[in-house]
Amino acid sequence: KGETPQTTGTVQDTQANREVAAILETPEAIYKENVKDVVTAGGTTAA
């Protein structure tokens, strides 16, 4: 749309020695007791 996206930070491209505008989401550790979290979030279905 010709707009400037919103970002949450930067990461470093160590090879090009430059900062890249970034959006980084947060991962979650899953063990047997919270496998349900993946289903609840739509990562898979119970079926």
All heavy atoms as atom14 arrays in JSON, in Angstrom:
{
  "sequence": "KGETPQTTGTVQDTQANREVAAILETPEAIYKENVKDVVTAGGTTAA",
  "atom14_mask": [
    [1, 1, 1, 1, 1, 1, 1, 1, 1, 0, 0, 0, 0, 0],
    [1, 1, 1, 1, 0, 0, 0, 0, 0, 0, 0, 0, 0, 0],
    [1, 1, 1, 1, 1, 1, 1, 1, 1, 0, 0, 0, 0, 0],
    [1, 1, 1, 1, 1, 1, 1, 0, 0, 0, 0, 0, 0, 0],
    [1, 1, 1, 1, 1, 1, 1, 0, 0, 0, 0, 0, 0, 0],
    [1, 1, 1, 1, 1, 1, 1, 1, 1, 0, 0, 0, 0, 0],
    [1, 1, 1, 1, 1, 1, 1, 0, 0, 0, 0, 0, 0, 0],
    [1, 1, 1, 1, 1, 1, 1, 0, 0, 0, 0, 0, 0, 0],
    [1, 1, 1, 1, 0, 0, 0, 0, 0, 0, 0, 0, 0, 0],
    [1, 1, 1, 1, 1, 1, 1, 0, 0, 0, 0, 0, 0, 0],
    [1, 1, 1, 1, 1, 1, 1, 0, 0, 0, 0, 0, 0, 0],
    [1, 1, 1, 1, 1, 1, 1, 1, 1, 0, 0, 0, 0, 0],
    [1, 1, 1, 1, 1, 1, 1, 1, 0, 0, 0, 0, 0, 0],
    [1, 1, 1, 1, 1, 1, 1, 0, 0, 0, 0, 0, 0, 0],
    [1, 1, 1, 1, 1, 1, 1, 1, 1, 0, 0, 0, 0, 0],
    [1, 1, 1, 1, 1, 0, 0, 0, 0, 0, 0, 0, 0, 0],
    [1, 1, 1, 1, 1, 1, 1, 1, 0, 0, 0, 0, 0, 0],
    [1, 1, 1, 1, 1, 1, 1, 1, 1, 1, 1, 0, 0, 0],
    [1, 1, 1, 1, 1, 1, 1, 1, 1, 0, 0, 0, 0, 0],
    [1, 1, 1, 1, 1, 1, 1, 0, 0, 0, 0, 0, 0, 0],
    [1, 1, 1, 1, 1, 0, 0, 0, 0, 0, 0, 0, 0, 0],
    [1, 1, 1, 1, 1, 0, 0, 0, 0, 0, 0, 0, 0, 0],
    [1, 1, 1, 1, 1, 1, 1, 1, 0, 0, 0, 0, 0, 0],
    [1, 1, 1, 1, 1, 1, 1, 1, 0, 0, 0, 0, 0, 0],
    [1, 1, 1, 1, 1, 1, 1, 1, 1, 0, 0, 0, 0, 0],
    [1, 1, 1, 1, 1, 1, 1, 0, 0, 0, 0, 0, 0, 0],
    [1, 1, 1, 1, 1, 1, 1, 0, 0, 0, 0, 0, 0, 0],
    [1, 1, 1, 1, 1, 1, 1, 1, 1, 0, 0, 0, 0, 0],
    [1, 1, 1, 1, 1, 0, 0, 0, 0, 0, 0, 0, 0, 0],
    [1, 1, 1, 1, 1, 1, 1, 1, 0, 0, 0, 0, 0, 0],
    [1, 1, 1, 1, 1, 1, 1, 1, 1, 1, 1, 1, 0, 0],
    [1, 1, 1, 1, 1, 1, 1, 1, 1, 0, 0, 0, 0, 0],
    [1, 1, 1, 1, 1, 1, 1, 1, 1, 0, 0, 0, 0, 0],
    [1, 1, 1, 1, 1, 1, 1, 1, 0, 0, 0, 0, 0, 0],
    [1, 1, 1, 1, 1, 1, 1, 0, 0, 0, 0, 0, 0, 0],
    [1, 1, 1, 1, 1, 1, 1, 1, 1, 0, 0, 0, 0, 0],
    [1, 1, 1, 1, 1, 1, 1, 1, 0, 0, 0, 0, 0, 0],
    [1, 1, 1, 1, 1, 1, 1, 0, 0, 0, 0, 0, 0, 0],
    [1, 1, 1, 1, 1, 1, 1, 0, 0, 0, 0, 0, 0, 0],
    [1, 1, 1, 1, 1, 1, 1, 0, 0, 0, 0, 0, 0, 0],
    [1, 1, 1, 1, 1, 0, 0, 0, 0, 0, 0, 0, 0, 0],
    [1, 1, 1, 1, 0, 0, 0, 0, 0, 0, 0, 0, 0, 0],
    [1, 1, 1, 1, 0, 0, 0, 0, 0, 0, 0, 0, 0, 0],
    [1, 1, 1, 1, 1, 1, 1, 0, 0, 0, 0, 0, 0, 0],
    [1, 1, 1, 1, 1, 1, 1, 0, 0, 0, 0, 0, 0, 0],
    [1, 1, 1, 1, 1, 0, 0, 0, 0, 0, 0, 0, 0, 0],
    [1, 1, 1, 1, 1, 0, 0, 0, 0, 0, 0, 0, 0, 0]
  ],
  "atom14_positions": [
    [[0.82, -1.22, 0.0], [0.0, 0.0, 0.0], [0.85, 1.26, 0.0], [0.32, 2.37, 0.05], [-0.91, 0.01, 1.23], [-2.01, -1.04, 1.21], [-2.87, -0.96, 2.47], [-4.03, -1.93, 2.41], [-4.88, -1.85, 3.62], [0.0, 0.0, 0.0], [0.0, 0.0, 0.0], [0.0, 0.0, 0.0], [0.0, 0.0, 0.0], [0.0, 0.0, 0.0]],
    [[2.19, 1.08, -0.02], [3.07, 2.23, -0.01], [3.24, 2.84, 1.36], [3.65, 4.01, 1.48], [0.0, 0.0, 0.0], [0.0, 0.0, 0.0], [0.0, 0.0, 0.0], [0.0, 0.0, 0.0], [0.0, 0.0, 0.0], [0.0, 0.0, 0.0], [0.0, 0.0, 0.0], [0.0, 0.0, 0.0], [0.0, 0.0, 0.0], [0.0, 0.0, 0.0]],
    [[2.95, 2.05, 2.41], [3.05, 2.55, 3.77], [4.33, 2.02, 4.44], [4.96, 1.09, 3.95], [1.82, 2.12, 4.57], [0.51, 2.64, 4.01], [-0.71, 2.02, 4.66], [-0.55, 1.09, 5.48], [-1.83, 2.46, 4.34], [0.0, 0.0, 0.0], [0.0, 0.0, 0.0], [0.0, 0.0, 0.0], [0.0, 0.0, 0.0], [0.0, 0.0, 0.0]],
    [[4.68, 2.6, 5.57], [5.83, 2.14, 6.35], [5.35, 1.19, 7.44], [4.56, 1.59, 8.29], [6.57, 3.32, 7.0], [7.03, 4.2, 5.97], [7.76, 2.83, 7.81], [0.0, 0.0, 0.0], [0.0, 0.0, 0.0], [0.0, 0.0, 0.0], [0.0, 0.0, 0.0], [0.0, 0.0, 0.0], [0.0, 0.0, 0.0], [0.0, 0.0, 0.0]],
    [[5.81, -0.05, 7.44], [5.36, -1.02, 8.44], [5.84, -0.65, 9.84], [6.87, -0.01, 10.01], [6.01, -2.33, 7.99], [6.41, -2.12, 6.57], [6.71, -0.66, 6.45], [0.0, 0.0, 0.0], [0.0, 0.0, 0.0], [0.0, 0.0, 0.0], [0.0, 0.0, 0.0], [0.0, 0.0, 0.0], [0.0, 0.0, 0.0], [0.0, 0.0, 0.0]],
    [[5.1, -1.1, 10.83], [5.51, -0.93, 12.22], [6.4, -2.11, 12.61], [6.12, -3.25, 12.25], [4.28, -0.89, 13.13], [3.38, 0.31, 12.87], [2.14, 0.29, 13.73], [1.68, -0.77, 14.15], [1.58, 1.46, 14.0], [0.0, 0.0, 0.0], [0.0, 0.0, 0.0], [0.0, 0.0, 0.0], [0.0, 0.0, 0.0], [0.0, 0.0, 0.0]],
    [[7.47, -1.83, 13.32], [8.39, -2.88, 13.75], [8.58, -2.83, 15.25], [8.14, -1.89, 15.91], [9.76, -2.72, 13.05], [10.31, -1.43, 13.37], [9.63, -2.85, 11.54], [0.0, 0.0, 0.0], [0.0, 0.0, 0.0], [0.0, 0.0, 0.0], [0.0, 0.0, 0.0], [0.0, 0.0, 0.0], [0.0, 0.0, 0.0], [0.0, 0.0, 0.0]],
    [[9.23, -3.87, 15.8], [9.4, -3.94, 17.25], [10.86, -3.88, 17.68], [11.17, -3.96, 18.86], [8.79, -5.25, 17.8], [9.45, -6.37, 17.2], [7.31, -5.32, 17.51], [0.0, 0.0, 0.0], [0.0, 0.0, 0.0], [0.0, 0.0, 0.0], [0.0, 0.0, 0.0], [0.0, 0.0, 0.0], [0.0, 0.0, 0.0], [0.0, 0.0, 0.0]],
    [[11.78, -3.78, 16.73], [13.2, -3.75, 17.07], [14.05, -3.95, 15.84], [13.6, -3.76, 14.7], [0.0, 0.0, 0.0], [0.0, 0.0, 0.0], [0.0, 0.0, 0.0], [0.0, 0.0, 0.0], [0.0, 0.0, 0.0], [0.0, 0.0, 0.0], [0.0, 0.0, 0.0], [0.0, 0.0, 0.0], [0.0, 0.0, 0.0], [0.0, 0.0, 0.0]],
    [[15.29, -4.35, 16.04], [16.19, -4.64, 14.93], [16.99, -5.91, 15.26], [17.13, -6.29, 16.42], [17.18, -3.49, 14.68], [18.02, -3.34, 15.83], [16.47, -2.2, 14.36], [0.0, 0.0, 0.0], [0.0, 0.0, 0.0], [0.0, 0.0, 0.0], [0.0, 0.0, 0.0], [0.0, 0.0, 0.0], [0.0, 0.0, 0.0], [0.0, 0.0, 0.0]],
    [[17.5, -6.54, 14.21], [18.47, -7.62, 14.38], [19.69, -7.25, 13.56], [19.6, -6.45, 12.61], [17.93, -8.99, 13.92], [16.78, -9.44, 14.79], [17.51, -8.95, 12.45], [0.0, 0.0, 0.0], [0.0, 0.0, 0.0], [0.0, 0.0, 0.0], [0.0, 0.0, 0.0], [0.0, 0.0, 0.0], [0.0, 0.0, 0.0], [0.0, 0.0, 0.0]],
    [[20.82, -7.82, 13.91], [22.05, -7.5, 13.21], [22.38, -8.55, 12.16], [22.44, -9.74, 12.46], [23.23, -7.37, 14.18], [24.55, -7.16, 13.46], [25.45, -6.2, 14.17], [25.21, -5.82, 15.3], [26.52, -5.8, 13.52], [0.0, 0.0, 0.0], [0.0, 0.0, 0.0], [0.0, 0.0, 0.0], [0.0, 0.0, 0.0], [0.0, 0.0, 0.0]],
    [[22.58, -8.1, 10.95], [23.15, -8.93, 9.9], [24.67, -8.82, 10.07], [25.28, -7.84, 9.66], [22.72, -8.42, 8.52], [23.33, -9.22, 7.37], [24.28, -9.99, 7.6], [22.85, -9.05, 6.23], [0.0, 0.0, 0.0], [0.0, 0.0, 0.0], [0.0, 0.0, 0.0], [0.0, 0.0, 0.0], [0.0, 0.0, 0.0], [0.0, 0.0, 0.0]],
    [[25.25, -9.83, 10.71], [26.67, -9.77, 11.06], [27.58, -9.82, 9.84], [28.71, -9.35, 9.89], [27.03, -10.93, 12.0], [26.63, -12.17, 11.4], [26.33, -10.77, 13.34], [0.0, 0.0, 0.0], [0.0, 0.0, 0.0], [0.0, 0.0, 0.0], [0.0, 0.0, 0.0], [0.0, 0.0, 0.0], [0.0, 0.0, 0.0], [0.0, 0.0, 0.0]],
    [[27.06, -10.37, 8.75], [27.88, -10.46, 7.54], [27.92, -9.14, 6.79], [28.96, -8.72, 6.28], [27.36, -11.58, 6.63], [28.25, -11.89, 5.44], [27.83, -13.17, 4.74], [27.54, -14.19, 5.37], [27.77, -13.13, 3.41], [0.0, 0.0, 0.0], [0.0, 0.0, 0.0], [0.0, 0.0, 0.0], [0.0, 0.0, 0.0], [0.0, 0.0, 0.0]],
    [[26.77, -8.48, 6.71], [26.69, -7.19, 6.02], [26.95, -6.02, 6.96], [27.02, -4.87, 6.53], [25.32, -7.03, 5.36], [0.0, 0.0, 0.0], [0.0, 0.0, 0.0], [0.0, 0.0, 0.0], [0.0, 0.0, 0.0], [0.0, 0.0, 0.0], [0.0, 0.0, 0.0], [0.0, 0.0, 0.0], [0.0, 0.0, 0.0], [0.0, 0.0, 0.0]],
    [[27.08, -6.31, 8.26], [27.32, -5.29, 9.28], [26.27, -4.19, 9.21], [26.58, -3.01, 9.12], [28.73, -4.69, 9.14], [29.12, -3.88, 10.36], [28.64, -4.15, 11.46], [29.97, -2.89, 10.16], [0.0, 0.0, 0.0], [0.0, 0.0, 0.0], [0.0, 0.0, 0.0], [0.0, 0.0, 0.0], [0.0, 0.0, 0.0], [0.0, 0.0, 0.0]],
    [[25.01, -4.6, 9.27], [23.92, -3.62, 9.25], [22.77, -4.11, 10.12], [22.65, -5.3, 10.42], [23.42, -3.39, 7.82], [22.63, -4.55, 7.23], [22.23, -4.31, 5.79], [21.36, -5.37, 5.29], [20.03, -5.28, 5.24], [19.43, -4.18, 5.66], [19.3, -6.29, 4.79], [0.0, 0.0, 0.0], [0.0, 0.0, 0.0], [0.0, 0.0, 0.0]],
    [[21.94, -3.19, 10.53], [20.76, -3.5, 11.32], [19.56, -3.66, 10.4], [19.37, -2.88, 9.47], [20.48, -2.39, 12.33], [21.62, -2.14, 13.32], [21.9, -3.33, 14.21], [20.94, -4.05, 14.55], [23.08, -3.54, 14.56], [0.0, 0.0, 0.0], [0.0, 0.0, 0.0], [0.0, 0.0, 0.0], [0.0, 0.0, 0.0], [0.0, 0.0, 0.0]],
    [[18.76, -4.68, 10.65], [17.57, -4.94, 9.85], [16.34, -4.73, 10.72], [16.24, -5.32, 11.81], [17.56, -6.39, 9.3], [16.37, -6.59, 8.36], [18.87, -6.7, 8.57], [0.0, 0.0, 0.0], [0.0, 0.0, 0.0], [0.0, 0.0, 0.0], [0.0, 0.0, 0.0], [0.0, 0.0, 0.0], [0.0, 0.0, 0.0], [0.0, 0.0, 0.0]],
    [[15.43, -3.89, 10.29], [14.19, -3.66, 11.03], [13.44, -4.98, 11.17], [13.31, -5.73, 10.2], [13.32, -2.64, 10.3], [0.0, 0.0, 0.0], [0.0, 0.0, 0.0], [0.0, 0.0, 0.0], [0.0, 0.0, 0.0], [0.0, 0.0, 0.0], [0.0, 0.0, 0.0], [0.0, 0.0, 0.0], [0.0, 0.0, 0.0], [0.0, 0.0, 0.0]],
    [[12.95, -5.26, 12.38], [12.41, -6.59, 12.63], [11.14, -6.59, 13.47], [10.88, -5.67, 14.23], [13.47, -7.45, 13.32], [0.0, 0.0, 0.0], [0.0, 0.0, 0.0], [0.0, 0.0, 0.0], [0.0, 0.0, 0.0], [0.0, 0.0, 0.0], [0.0, 0.0, 0.0], [0.0, 0.0, 0.0], [0.0, 0.0, 0.0], [0.0, 0.0, 0.0]],
    [[10.4, -7.68, 13.3], [9.3, -8.04, 14.18], [9.6, -9.45, 14.65], [9.66, -10.37, 13.83], [7.93, -8.01, 13.48], [7.6, -6.61, 12.97], [6.83, -8.5, 14.42], [7.99, -6.38, 11.54], [0.0, 0.0, 0.0], [0.0, 0.0, 0.0], [0.0, 0.0, 0.0], [0.0, 0.0, 0.0], [0.0, 0.0, 0.0], [0.0, 0.0, 0.0]],
    [[9.84, -9.64, 15.95], [10.17, -10.95, 16.5], [9.09, -11.39, 17.48], [8.83, -10.71, 18.47], [11.53, -10.92, 17.2], [12.74, -10.54, 16.34], [14.02, -10.65, 17.17], [12.84, -11.41, 15.1], [0.0, 0.0, 0.0], [0.0, 0.0, 0.0], [0.0, 0.0, 0.0], [0.0, 0.0, 0.0], [0.0, 0.0, 0.0], [0.0, 0.0, 0.0]],
    [[8.48, -12.52, 17.19], [7.46, -13.07, 18.07], [8.1, -13.93, 19.17], [9.27, -14.32, 19.08], [6.46, -13.91, 17.26], [5.73, -13.13, 16.17], [4.8, -12.06, 16.73], [4.41, -12.16, 17.91], [4.46, -11.12, 15.98], [0.0, 0.0, 0.0], [0.0, 0.0, 0.0], [0.0, 0.0, 0.0], [0.0, 0.0, 0.0], [0.0, 0.0, 0.0]],
    [[7.34, -14.24, 20.2], [7.85, -14.98, 21.36], [7.48, -16.46, 21.27], [6.3, -16.8, 21.15], [7.28, -14.4, 22.66], [7.61, -13.01, 22.74], [7.84, -15.12, 23.88], [0.0, 0.0, 0.0], [0.0, 0.0, 0.0], [0.0, 0.0, 0.0], [0.0, 0.0, 0.0], [0.0, 0.0, 0.0], [0.0, 0.0, 0.0], [0.0, 0.0, 0.0]],
    [[8.47, -17.36, 21.36], [8.2, -18.8, 21.32], [7.77, -19.32, 22.68], [7.94, -18.65, 23.71], [9.56, -19.39, 20.92], [10.55, -18.44, 21.51], [9.92, -17.07, 21.41], [0.0, 0.0, 0.0], [0.0, 0.0, 0.0], [0.0, 0.0, 0.0], [0.0, 0.0, 0.0], [0.0, 0.0, 0.0], [0.0, 0.0, 0.0], [0.0, 0.0, 0.0]],
    [[7.22, -20.54, 22.72], [6.74, -21.14, 23.97], [7.24, -22.58, 24.08], [7.15, -23.35, 23.13], [5.21, -21.13, 24.01], [4.62, -21.79, 25.26], [3.1, -21.91, 25.24], [2.49, -21.51, 24.22], [2.53, -22.41, 26.22], [0.0, 0.0, 0.0], [0.0, 0.0, 0.0], [0.0, 0.0, 0.0], [0.0, 0.0, 0.0], [0.0, 0.0, 0.0]],
    [[7.76, -22.93, 25.25], [8.19, -24.3, 25.5], [6.96, -25.17, 25.76], [6.06, -24.8, 26.51], [9.12, -24.35, 26.71], [0.0, 0.0, 0.0], [0.0, 0.0, 0.0], [0.0, 0.0, 0.0], [0.0, 0.0, 0.0], [0.0, 0.0, 0.0], [0.0, 0.0, 0.0], [0.0, 0.0, 0.0], [0.0, 0.0, 0.0], [0.0, 0.0, 0.0]],
    [[6.93, -26.34, 25.12], [5.8, -27.26, 25.26], [6.29, -28.58, 25.84], [7.18, -29.24, 25.28], [5.11, -27.51, 23.91], [4.56, -26.2, 23.32], [3.99, -28.55, 24.06], [3.46, -25.55, 24.13], [0.0, 0.0, 0.0], [0.0, 0.0, 0.0], [0.0, 0.0, 0.0], [0.0, 0.0, 0.0], [0.0, 0.0, 0.0], [0.0, 0.0, 0.0]],
    [[5.68, -28.96, 26.96], [5.91, -30.25, 27.59], [4.59, -31.01, 27.57], [3.56, -30.48, 27.12], [6.41, -30.07, 29.03], [7.68, -29.25, 29.13], [7.63, -27.85, 29.21], [8.93, -29.86, 29.14], [8.79, -27.1, 29.31], [10.1, -29.11, 29.24], [10.02, -27.73, 29.32], [11.18, -26.98, 29.41], [0.0, 0.0, 0.0], [0.0, 0.0, 0.0]],
    [[4.6, -32.22, 28.06], [3.38, -33.02, 28.05], [2.23, -32.29, 28.72], [1.09, -32.3, 28.22], [3.64, -34.36, 28.74], [2.46, -35.33, 28.68], [2.83, -36.67, 29.28], [1.66, -37.66, 29.22], [2.03, -39.0, 29.76], [0.0, 0.0, 0.0], [0.0, 0.0, 0.0], [0.0, 0.0, 0.0], [0.0, 0.0, 0.0], [0.0, 0.0, 0.0]],
    [[2.51, -31.62, 29.84], [1.43, -31.0, 30.61], [0.78, -29.8, 29.92], [-0.33, -29.41, 30.28], [1.94, -30.58, 32.0], [3.12, -29.6, 31.99], [4.47, -30.29, 32.08], [4.57, -31.47, 31.67], [5.42, -29.64, 32.57], [0.0, 0.0, 0.0], [0.0, 0.0, 0.0], [0.0, 0.0, 0.0], [0.0, 0.0, 0.0], [0.0, 0.0, 0.0]],
    [[1.45, -29.2, 28.94], [0.82, -28.05, 28.27], [0.71, -28.23, 26.75], [0.63, -27.25, 26.01], [1.53, -26.74, 28.61], [2.94, -26.65, 28.05], [3.62, -27.67, 27.89], [3.4, -25.44, 27.78], [0.0, 0.0, 0.0], [0.0, 0.0, 0.0], [0.0, 0.0, 0.0], [0.0, 0.0, 0.0], [0.0, 0.0, 0.0], [0.0, 0.0, 0.0]],
    [[0.69, -29.48, 26.3], [0.45, -29.75, 24.87], [-0.86, -29.1, 24.42], [-0.99, -28.64, 23.28], [0.43, -31.28, 24.6], [-0.19, -31.58, 23.24], [1.84, -31.85, 24.67], [0.0, 0.0, 0.0], [0.0, 0.0, 0.0], [0.0, 0.0, 0.0], [0.0, 0.0, 0.0], [0.0, 0.0, 0.0], [0.0, 0.0, 0.0], [0.0, 0.0, 0.0]],
    [[-1.81, -29.03, 25.33], [-3.11, -28.44, 25.01], [-2.98, -27.01, 24.49], [-3.82, -26.55, 23.7], [-4.01, -28.48, 26.24], [-5.44, -28.02, 25.99], [-6.29, -28.16, 27.25], [-7.72, -27.71, 26.99], [-8.57, -27.86, 28.21], [0.0, 0.0, 0.0], [0.0, 0.0, 0.0], [0.0, 0.0, 0.0], [0.0, 0.0, 0.0], [0.0, 0.0, 0.0]],
    [[-1.93, -26.29, 24.92], [-1.73, -24.9, 24.48], [-1.65, -24.8, 22.96], [-2.12, -23.83, 22.36], [-0.45, -24.32, 25.09], [-0.57, -24.0, 26.56], [-1.67, -24.21, 27.13], [0.43, -23.56, 27.16], [0.0, 0.0, 0.0], [0.0, 0.0, 0.0], [0.0, 0.0, 0.0], [0.0, 0.0, 0.0], [0.0, 0.0, 0.0], [0.0, 0.0, 0.0]],
    [[-1.03, -25.79, 22.34], [-0.87, -25.78, 20.89], [-2.22, -25.93, 20.2], [-2.52, -25.26, 19.21], [0.1, -26.89, 20.43], [0.29, -26.83, 18.92], [1.44, -26.76, 21.14], [0.0, 0.0, 0.0], [0.0, 0.0, 0.0], [0.0, 0.0, 0.0], [0.0, 0.0, 0.0], [0.0, 0.0, 0.0], [0.0, 0.0, 0.0], [0.0, 0.0, 0.0]],
    [[-3.06, -26.81, 20.74], [-4.39, -27.01, 20.18], [-5.24, -25.77, 20.38], [-5.93, -25.31, 19.46], [-5.07, -28.24, 20.84], [-6.49, -28.42, 20.28], [-4.24, -29.5, 20.58], [0.0, 0.0, 0.0], [0.0, 0.0, 0.0], [0.0, 0.0, 0.0], [0.0, 0.0, 0.0], [0.0, 0.0, 0.0], [0.0, 0.0, 0.0], [0.0, 0.0, 0.0]],
    [[-5.17, -25.2, 21.57], [-5.95, -24.0, 21.88], [-5.58, -22.84, 20.95], [-6.45, -22.08, 20.52], [-5.72, -23.56, 23.34], [-6.11, -24.63, 24.21], [-6.52, -22.32, 23.68], [0.0, 0.0, 0.0], [0.0, 0.0, 0.0], [0.0, 0.0, 0.0], [0.0, 0.0, 0.0], [0.0, 0.0, 0.0], [0.0, 0.0, 0.0], [0.0, 0.0, 0.0]],
    [[-4.28, -22.74, 20.63], [-3.82, -21.65, 19.76], [-4.07, -21.93, 18.28], [-3.85, -21.05, 17.45], [-2.32, -21.43, 19.99], [0.0, 0.0, 0.0], [0.0, 0.0, 0.0], [0.0, 0.0, 0.0], [0.0, 0.0, 0.0], [0.0, 0.0, 0.0], [0.0, 0.0, 0.0], [0.0, 0.0, 0.0], [0.0, 0.0, 0.0], [0.0, 0.0, 0.0]],
    [[-4.53, -23.12, 17.96], [-4.8, -23.45, 16.56], [-3.6, -24.01, 15.81], [-3.63, -24.11, 14.59], [0.0, 0.0, 0.0], [0.0, 0.0, 0.0], [0.0, 0.0, 0.0], [0.0, 0.0, 0.0], [0.0, 0.0, 0.0], [0.0, 0.0, 0.0], [0.0, 0.0, 0.0], [0.0, 0.0, 0.0], [0.0, 0.0, 0.0], [0.0, 0.0, 0.0]],
    [[-2.54, -24.4, 16.56], [-1.37, -24.97, 15.92], [-1.64, -26.34, 15.33], [-0.97, -26.78, 14.39], [0.0, 0.0, 0.0], [0.0, 0.0, 0.0], [0.0, 0.0, 0.0], [0.0, 0.0, 0.0], [0.0, 0.0, 0.0], [0.0, 0.0, 0.0], [0.0, 0.0, 0.0], [0.0, 0.0, 0.0], [0.0, 0.0, 0.0], [0.0, 0.0, 0.0]],
    [[-2.6, -27.04, 15.89], [-3.12, -28.3, 15.35], [-4.52, -28.48, 15.92], [-5.01, -27.63, 16.67], [-2.2, -29.48, 15.72], [-2.65, -30.66, 15.04], [-2.21, -29.76, 17.22], [0.0, 0.0, 0.0], [0.0, 0.0, 0.0], [0.0, 0.0, 0.0], [0.0, 0.0, 0.0], [0.0, 0.0, 0.0], [0.0, 0.0, 0.0], [0.0, 0.0, 0.0]],
    [[-5.16, -29.56, 15.56], [-6.5, -29.84, 16.09], [-6.46, -31.12, 16.9], [-5.58, -31.97, 16.71], [-7.53, -30.01, 14.96], [-7.18, -31.18, 14.18], [-7.56, -28.79, 14.06], [0.0, 0.0, 0.0], [0.0, 0.0, 0.0], [0.0, 0.0, 0.0], [0.0, 0.0, 0.0], [0.0, 0.0, 0.0], [0.0, 0.0, 0.0], [0.0, 0.0, 0.0]],
    [[-7.42, -31.28, 17.78], [-7.52, -32.5, 18.58], [-7.73, -33.7, 17.66], [-7.19, -34.79, 17.91], [-8.67, -32.38, 19.58], [0.0, 0.0, 0.0], [0.0, 0.0, 0.0], [0.0, 0.0, 0.0], [0.0, 0.0, 0.0], [0.0, 0.0, 0.0], [0.0, 0.0, 0.0], [0.0, 0.0, 0.0], [0.0, 0.0, 0.0], [0.0, 0.0, 0.0]],
    [[-8.46, -33.5, 16.58], [-8.72, -34.6, 15.64], [-7.43, -35.09, 15.0], [-7.24, -36.3, 14.79], [-9.71, -34.15, 14.57], [0.0, 0.0, 0.0], [0.0, 0.0, 0.0], [0.0, 0.0, 0.0], [0.0, 0.0, 0.0], [0.0, 0.0, 0.0], [0.0, 0.0, 0.0], [0.0, 0.0, 0.0], [0.0, 0.0, 0.0], [0.0, 0.0, 0.0]]
  ]
}
